[in-house]
PDB file of N, CA and C in Angstrom:
ATOM      1  N   MET A   1      -6.970  -4.527  -5.971  1.00  0.00           N
ATOM      2  CA  MET A   1      -5.798  -4.865  -5.191  1.00  0.00           C
ATOM      3  C   MET A   1      -6.037  -4.401  -3.756  1.00  0.00           C
ATOM      4  N   ASP A   2      -5.871  -5.283  -2.785  1.00  0.00           N
ATOM      5  CA  ASP A   2      -6.063  -4.885  -1.397  1.00  0.00           C
ATOM      6  C   ASP A   2      -4.754  -4.328  -0.821  1.00  0.00           C
ATOM      7  N   ALA A   3      -4.830  -3.867   0.426  1.00  0.00           N
ATOM      8  CA  ALA A   3      -3.679  -3.205   1.046  1.00  0.00           C
ATOM      9  C   ALA A   3      -2.468  -4.130   1.136  1.00  0.00           C
ATOM     10  N   LEU A   4      -2.671  -5.393   1.470  1.00  0.00           N
ATOM     11  CA  LEU A   4      -1.554  -6.327   1.579  1.00  0.00           C
ATOM     12  C   LEU A   4      -0.877  -6.534   0.225  1.00  0.00           C
ATOM     13  N   GLU A   5      -1.654  -6.664  -0.814  1.00  0.00           N
ATOM     14  CA  GLU A   5      -1.089  -6.820  -2.162  1.00  0.00           C
ATOM     15  C   GLU A   5      -0.308  -5.569  -2.569  1.00  0.00           C
ATOM     16  N   LEU A   6      -0.844  -4.394  -2.230  1.00  0.00           N
ATOM     17  CA  LEU A   6      -0.141  -3.145  -2.532  1.00  0.00           C
ATOM     18  C   LEU A   6       1.198  -3.082  -1.814  1.00  0.00           C
ATOM     19  N   MET A   7       1.220  -3.485  -0.535  1.00  0.00           N
ATOM     20  CA  MET A   7       2.481  -3.459   0.220  1.00  0.00           C
ATOM     21  C   MET A   7       3.504  -4.420  -0.375  1.00  0.00           C
ATOM     22  N   LYS A   8       3.051  -5.576  -0.809  1.00  0.00           N
ATOM     23  CA  LYS A   8       3.963  -6.551  -1.407  1.00  0.00           C
ATOM     24  C   LYS A   8       4.486  -6.081  -2.761  1.00  0.00           C
ATOM     25  N   ALA A   9       3.676  -5.311  -3.485  1.00  0.00           N
ATOM     26  CA  ALA A   9       4.042  -4.877  -4.829  1.00  0.00           C
ATOM     27  C   ALA A   9       4.872  -3.588  -4.837  1.00  0.00           C
ATOM     28  N   ARG A  10       4.952  -2.901  -3.714  1.00  0.00           N
ATOM     29  CA  ARG A  10       5.641  -1.600  -3.692  1.00  0.00           C
ATOM     30  C   ARG A  10       7.133  -1.760  -3.933  1.00  0.00           C
ATOM     31  N   HIS A  11       7.730  -0.682  -4.384  1.00  0.00           N
ATOM     32  CA  HIS A  11       9.177  -0.665  -4.564  1.00  0.00           C
ATOM     33  C   HIS A  11       9.673   0.765  -4.411  1.00  0.00           C
ATOM     34  N   SER A  12      10.914   0.914  -4.086  1.00  0.00           N
ATOM     35  CA  SER A  12      11.528   2.228  -3.929  1.00  0.00           C
ATOM     36  C   SER A  12      12.379   2.535  -5.149  1.00  0.00           C
ATOM     37  N   VAL A  13      12.295   3.776  -5.589  1.00  0.00           N
ATOM     38  CA  VAL A  13      13.157   4.250  -6.669  1.00  0.00           C
ATOM     39  C   VAL A  13      14.067   5.299  -6.057  1.00  0.00           C
ATOM     40  N   ARG A  14      15.354   5.097  -6.173  1.00  0.00           N
ATOM     41  CA  ARG A  14      16.289   6.027  -5.563  1.00  0.00           C
ATOM     42  C   ARG A  14      17.297   6.589  -6.551  1.00  0.00           C
ATOM     43  N   TYR A  15      17.249   6.147  -7.766  1.00  0.00           N
ATOM     44  CA  TYR A  15      18.120   6.696  -8.798  1.00  0.00           C
ATOM     45  C   TYR A  15      17.234   7.364  -9.836  1.00  0.00           C
ATOM     46  N   TYR A  16      17.378   8.656  -9.982  1.00  0.00           N
ATOM     47  CA  TYR A  16      16.489   9.431 -10.826  1.00  0.00           C
ATOM     48  C   TYR A  16      17.238   9.984 -12.024  1.00  0.00           C
ATOM     49  N   ASN A  17      16.509  10.193 -13.118  1.00  0.00           N
ATOM     50  CA  ASN A  17      17.137  10.810 -14.279  1.00  0.00           C
ATOM     51  C   ASN A  17      16.887  12.317 -14.206  1.00  0.00           C
ATOM     52  N   ASP A  18      17.520  13.074 -15.055  1.00  0.00           N
ATOM     53  CA  ASP A  18      17.364  14.524 -15.018  1.00  0.00           C
ATOM     54  C   ASP A  18      16.435  15.030 -16.123  1.00  0.00           C
ATOM     55  N   ARG A  19      15.534  14.179 -16.554  1.00  0.00           N
ATOM     56  CA  ARG A  19      14.559  14.530 -17.590  1.00  0.00           C
ATOM     57  C   ARG A  19      13.538  15.530 -17.042  1.00  0.00           C
ATOM     58  N   GLN A  20      13.185  16.536 -17.822  1.00  0.00           N
ATOM     59  CA  GLN A  20      12.191  17.531 -17.444  1.00  0.00           C
ATOM     60  C   GLN A  20      10.796  16.889 -17.363  1.00  0.00           C
ATOM     61  N   ILE A  21       9.978  17.372 -16.435  1.00  0.00           N
ATOM     62  CA  ILE A  21       8.591  16.934 -16.357  1.00  0.00           C
ATOM     63  C   ILE A  21       7.817  17.712 -17.412  1.00  0.00           C
ATOM     64  N   GLU A  22       7.025  17.010 -18.197  1.00  0.00           N
ATOM     65  CA  GLU A  22       6.279  17.655 -19.285  1.00  0.00           C
ATOM     66  C   GLU A  22       5.255  18.648 -18.734  1.00  0.00           C
ATOM     67  N   ALA A  23       4.990  19.703 -19.502  1.00  0.00           N
ATOM     68  CA  ALA A  23       4.080  20.772 -19.081  1.00  0.00           C
ATOM     69  C   ALA A  23       2.690  20.238 -18.740  1.00  0.00           C
ATOM     70  N   GLU A  24       2.183  19.310 -19.531  1.00  0.00           N
ATOM     71  CA  GLU A  24       0.855  18.747 -19.261  1.00  0.00           C
ATOM     72  C   GLU A  24       0.835  18.000 -17.931  1.00  0.00           C
ATOM     73  N   THR A  25       1.883  17.244 -17.653  1.00  0.00           N
ATOM     74  CA  THR A  25       1.983  16.513 -16.393  1.00  0.00           C
ATOM     75  C   THR A  25       2.077  17.478 -15.218  1.00  0.00           C
ATOM     76  N   LEU A  26       2.855  18.544 -15.358  1.00  0.00           N
ATOM     77  CA  LEU A  26       2.958  19.558 -14.306  1.00  0.00           C
ATOM     78  C   LEU A  26       1.610  20.209 -14.032  1.00  0.00           C
ATOM     79  N   SER A  27       0.881  20.482 -15.080  1.00  0.00           N
ATOM     80  CA  SER A  27      -0.437  21.094 -14.931  1.00  0.00           C
ATOM     81  C   SER A  27      -1.386  20.170 -14.171  1.00  0.00           C
ATOM     82  N   ILE A  28      -1.379  18.900 -14.513  1.00  0.00           N
ATOM     83  CA  ILE A  28      -2.236  17.925 -13.832  1.00  0.00           C
ATOM     84  C   ILE A  28      -1.834  17.802 -12.362  1.00  0.00           C
ATOM     85  N   LEU A  29      -0.544  17.663 -12.100  1.00  0.00           N
ATOM     86  CA  LEU A  29      -0.067  17.557 -10.719  1.00  0.00           C
ATOM     87  C   LEU A  29      -0.449  18.792  -9.904  1.00  0.00           C
ATOM     88  N   SER A  30      -0.244  19.963 -10.464  1.00  0.00           N
ATOM     89  CA  SER A  30      -0.564  21.207  -9.763  1.00  0.00           C
ATOM     90  C   SER A  30      -2.049  21.294  -9.446  1.00  0.00           C
ATOM     91  N   SER A  31      -2.879  20.913 -10.389  1.00  0.00           N
ATOM     92  CA  SER A  31      -4.332  20.941 -10.177  1.00  0.00           C
ATOM     93  C   SER A  31      -4.750  19.969  -9.087  1.00  0.00           C
ATOM     94  N   LEU A  32      -4.194  18.758  -9.126  1.00  0.00           N
ATOM     95  CA  LEU A  32      -4.536  17.757  -8.113  1.00  0.00           C
ATOM     96  C   LEU A  32      -4.062  18.178  -6.720  1.00  0.00           C
ATOM     97  N   ILE A  33      -2.880  18.754  -6.652  1.00  0.00           N
ATOM     98  CA  ILE A  33      -2.357  19.220  -5.371  1.00  0.00           C
ATOM     99  C   ILE A  33      -3.225  20.336  -4.813  1.00  0.00           C
ATOM    100  N   LYS A  34      -3.628  21.280  -5.658  1.00  0.00           N
ATOM    101  CA  LYS A  34      -4.496  22.373  -5.209  1.00  0.00           C
ATOM    102  C   LYS A  34      -5.827  21.832  -4.718  1.00  0.00           C
ATOM    103  N   GLU A  35      -6.382  20.888  -5.448  1.00  0.00           N
ATOM    104  CA  GLU A  35      -7.652  20.280  -5.063  1.00  0.00           C
ATOM    105  C   GLU A  35      -7.536  19.579  -3.701  1.00  0.00           C
ATOM    106  N   CYS A  36      -6.474  18.810  -3.518  1.00  0.00           N
ATOM    107  CA  CYS A  36      -6.259  18.126  -2.232  1.00  0.00           C
ATOM    108  C   CYS A  36      -6.087  19.119  -1.095  1.00  0.00           C
ATOM    109  N   ASN A  37      -5.298  20.152  -1.320  1.00  0.00           N
ATOM    110  CA  ASN A  37      -5.078  21.169  -0.291  1.00  0.00           C
ATOM    111  C   ASN A  37      -6.380  21.873   0.072  1.00  0.00           C
ATOM    112  N   ASP A  38      -7.178  22.241  -0.946  1.00  0.00           N
ATOM    113  CA  ASP A  38      -8.439  22.942  -0.707  1.00  0.00           C
ATOM    114  C   ASP A  38      -9.432  22.071   0.064  1.00  0.00           C
ATOM    115  N   GLU A  39      -9.492  20.796  -0.270  1.00  0.00           N
ATOM    116  CA  GLU A  39     -10.454  19.893   0.366  1.00  0.00           C
ATOM    117  C   GLU A  39     -10.036  19.470   1.768  1.00  0.00           C
ATOM    118  N   SER A  40      -8.730  19.351   1.997  1.00  0.00           N
ATOM    119  CA  SER A  40      -8.275  18.730   3.240  1.00  0.00           C
ATOM    120  C   SER A  40      -7.643  19.698   4.233  1.00  0.00           C
ATOM    121  N   GLY A  41      -7.235  20.859   3.766  1.00  0.00           N
ATOM    122  CA  GLY A  41      -6.502  21.773   4.633  1.00  0.00           C
ATOM    123  C   GLY A  41      -5.026  21.412   4.758  1.00  0.00           C
ATOM    124  N   LEU A  42      -4.578  20.428   3.974  1.00  0.00           N
ATOM    125  CA  LEU A  42      -3.170  20.053   3.979  1.00  0.00           C
ATOM    126  C   LEU A  42      -2.337  21.124   3.286  1.00  0.00           C
ATOM    127  N   ASN A  43      -1.038  21.001   3.386  1.00  0.00           N
ATOM    128  CA  ASN A  43      -0.126  21.912   2.704  1.00  0.00           C
ATOM    129  C   ASN A  43       0.842  21.069   1.866  1.00  0.00           C
ATOM    130  N   ILE A  44       0.296  20.492   0.796  1.00  0.00           N
ATOM    131  CA  ILE A  44       1.110  19.699  -0.121  1.00  0.00           C
ATOM    132  C   ILE A  44       1.786  20.663  -1.079  1.00  0.00           C
ATOM    133  N   GLN A  45       3.067  20.449  -1.332  1.00  0.00           N
ATOM    134  CA  GLN A  45       3.821  21.336  -2.223  1.00  0.00           C
ATOM    135  C   GLN A  45       4.586  20.517  -3.252  1.00  0.00           C
ATOM    136  N   LEU A  46       4.577  21.015  -4.472  1.00  0.00           N
ATOM    137  CA  LEU A  46       5.368  20.422  -5.547  1.00  0.00           C
ATOM    138  C   LEU A  46       6.646  21.246  -5.660  1.00  0.00           C
ATOM    139  N   CYS A  47       7.767  20.623  -5.415  1.00  0.00           N
ATOM    140  CA  CYS A  47       9.064  21.299  -5.477  1.00  0.00           C
ATOM    141  C   CYS A  47       9.750  20.891  -6.769  1.00  0.00           C
ATOM    142  N   LEU A  48      10.115  21.877  -7.562  1.00  0.00           N
ATOM    143  CA  LEU A  48      10.718  21.625  -8.865  1.00  0.00           C
ATOM    144  C   LEU A  48      12.119  22.205  -8.941  1.00  0.00           C
ATOM    145  N   ASN A  49      12.991  21.461  -9.584  1.00  0.00           N
ATOM    146  CA  ASN A  49      14.376  21.898  -9.808  1.00  0.00           C
ATOM    147  C   ASN A  49      15.060  22.339  -8.523  1.00  0.00           C
ATOM    148  N   GLU A  50      14.869  21.573  -7.466  1.00  0.00           N
ATOM    149  CA  GLU A  50      15.430  21.874  -6.153  1.00  0.00           C
ATOM    150  C   GLU A  50      16.282  20.691  -5.707  1.00  0.00           C
ATOM    151  N   ARG A  51      17.577  20.837  -5.784  1.00  0.00           N
ATOM    152  CA  ARG A  51      18.479  19.732  -5.451  1.00  0.00           C
ATOM    153  C   ARG A  51      18.993  19.782  -4.015  1.00  0.00           C
ATOM    154  N   SER A  52      18.870  20.915  -3.348  1.00  0.00           N
ATOM    155  CA  SER A  52      19.507  21.057  -2.034  1.00  0.00           C
ATOM    156  C   SER A  52      18.847  20.221  -0.947  1.00  0.00           C
ATOM    157  N   ALA A  53      17.598  19.850  -1.079  1.00  0.00           N
ATOM    158  CA  ALA A  53      16.920  19.075  -0.039  1.00  0.00           C
ATOM    159  C   ALA A  53      17.520  17.685   0.126  1.00  0.00           C
ATOM    160  N   PHE A  54      18.183  17.194  -0.893  1.00  0.00           N
ATOM    161  CA  PHE A  54      18.730  15.837  -0.841  1.00  0.00           C
ATOM    162  C   PHE A  54      20.260  15.849  -0.860  1.00  0.00           C
ATOM    163  N   ASN A  55      20.831  16.864  -0.240  1.00  0.00           N
ATOM    164  CA  ASN A  55      22.288  16.954  -0.152  1.00  0.00           C
ATOM    165  C   ASN A  55      22.826  16.514   1.198  1.00  0.00           C
ATOM    166  N   GLY A  56      21.959  16.290   2.173  1.00  0.00           N
ATOM    167  CA  GLY A  56      22.386  15.978   3.526  1.00  0.00           C
ATOM    168  C   GLY A  56      22.820  14.531   3.700  1.00  0.00           C
ATOM    169  N   ILE A  57      23.266  14.231   4.906  1.00  0.00           N
ATOM    170  CA  ILE A  57      23.776  12.900   5.220  1.00  0.00           C
ATOM    171  C   ILE A  57      22.693  11.834   5.106  1.00  0.00           C
ATOM    172  N   MET A  58      21.461  12.132   5.510  1.00  0.00           N
ATOM    173  CA  MET A  58      20.396  11.135   5.435  1.00  0.00           C
ATOM    174  C   MET A  58      20.085  10.772   3.986  1.00  0.00           C
ATOM    175  N   ALA A  59      20.121  11.747   3.101  1.00  0.00           N
ATOM    176  CA  ALA A  59      19.880  11.465   1.687  1.00  0.00           C
ATOM    177  C   ALA A  59      20.990  10.582   1.125  1.00  0.00           C
ATOM    178  N   ARG A  60      22.218  10.851   1.532  1.00  0.00           N
ATOM    179  CA  ARG A  60      23.331  10.017   1.060  1.00  0.00           C
ATOM    180  C   ARG A  60      23.224   8.601   1.623  1.00  0.00           C
ATOM    181  N   LEU A  61      22.818   8.493   2.876  1.00  0.00           N
ATOM    182  CA  LEU A  61      22.639   7.167   3.467  1.00  0.00           C
ATOM    183  C   LEU A  61      21.489   6.421   2.797  1.00  0.00           C
ATOM    184  N   GLY A  62      20.464   7.162   2.386  1.00  0.00           N
ATOM    185  CA  GLY A  62      19.319   6.558   1.707  1.00  0.00           C
ATOM    186  C   GLY A  62      19.578   6.289   0.241  1.00  0.00           C
ATOM    187  N   ASN A  63      20.741   6.729  -0.248  1.00  0.00           N
ATOM    188  CA  ASN A  63      21.136   6.482  -1.631  1.00  0.00           C
ATOM    189  C   ASN A  63      20.272   7.211  -2.648  1.00  0.00           C
ATOM    190  N   PHE A  64      19.807   8.404  -2.303  1.00  0.00           N
ATOM    191  CA  PHE A  64      19.022   9.190  -3.242  1.00  0.00           C
ATOM    192  C   PHE A  64      19.977   9.925  -4.177  1.00  0.00           C
ATOM    193  N   ILE A  65      19.870   9.643  -5.475  1.00  0.00           N
ATOM    194  CA  ILE A  65      20.785  10.196  -6.471  1.00  0.00           C
ATOM    195  C   ILE A  65      19.993  10.996  -7.505  1.00  0.00           C
ATOM    196  N   ASN A  66      20.432  12.218  -7.814  1.00  0.00           N
ATOM    197  CA  ASN A  66      19.843  13.072  -8.852  1.00  0.00           C
ATOM    198  C   ASN A  66      18.409  13.506  -8.579  1.00  0.00           C
ATOM    199  N   VAL A  67      18.002  13.644  -7.332  1.00  0.00           N
ATOM    200  CA  VAL A  67      16.651  14.103  -7.015  1.00  0.00           C
ATOM    201  C   VAL A  67      16.594  15.611  -7.198  1.00  0.00           C
ATOM    202  N   SER A  68      15.649  16.091  -7.994  1.00  0.00           N
ATOM    203  CA  SER A  68      15.464  17.537  -8.128  1.00  0.00           C
ATOM    204  C   SER A  68      13.999  17.941  -8.082  1.00  0.00           C
ATOM    205  N   ASN A  69      13.079  17.010  -8.256  1.00  0.00           N
ATOM    206  CA  ASN A  69      11.643  17.281  -8.194  1.00  0.00           C
ATOM    207  C   ASN A  69      11.022  16.319  -7.190  1.00  0.00           C
ATOM    208  N   TYR A  70      10.165  16.850  -6.331  1.00  0.00           N
ATOM    209  CA  TYR A  70       9.530  15.997  -5.324  1.00  0.00           C
ATOM    210  C   TYR A  70       8.292  16.681  -4.768  1.00  0.00           C
ATOM    211  N   ILE A  71       7.490  15.912  -4.065  1.00  0.00           N
ATOM    212  CA  ILE A  71       6.277  16.417  -3.437  1.00  0.00           C
ATOM    213  C   ILE A  71       6.481  16.362  -1.924  1.00  0.00           C
ATOM    214  N   THR A  72       6.101  17.443  -1.230  1.00  0.00           N
ATOM    215  CA  THR A  72       6.230  17.473   0.218  1.00  0.00           C
ATOM    216  C   THR A  72       4.876  17.692   0.870  1.00  0.00           C
ATOM    217  N   LEU A  73       4.762  17.234   2.098  1.00  0.00           N
ATOM    218  CA  LEU A  73       3.660  17.593   2.979  1.00  0.00           C
ATOM    219  C   LEU A  73       4.274  18.490   4.037  1.00  0.00           C
ATOM    220  N   ALA A  74       3.957  19.772   4.006  1.00  0.00           N
ATOM    221  CA  ALA A  74       4.585  20.745   4.892  1.00  0.00           C
ATOM    222  C   ALA A  74       3.581  21.229   5.953  1.00  0.00           C
ATOM    223  N   VAL A  75       4.134  21.704   7.057  1.00  0.00           N
ATOM    224  CA  VAL A  75       3.292  22.278   8.116  1.00  0.00           C
ATOM    225  C   VAL A  75       3.538  23.759   8.226  1.00  0.00           C
TER     226      VAL A  75
END
């Protein structure tokens, strides 16, 4: 799939369920994030069970509902 096909196929998900992320999935995500950070010098963070980041006006305007887990690129 080329970049144009990827852009056409993309979609946004803004309504989330409150299902827990499985331990195996968390382990894989954590390992991949650490690997990316170590190789690139980035500061990627996995935020779990954190609802306050999506309580502001921009989140409400963006229609983000029930977000509690997300990945950030921090400086």
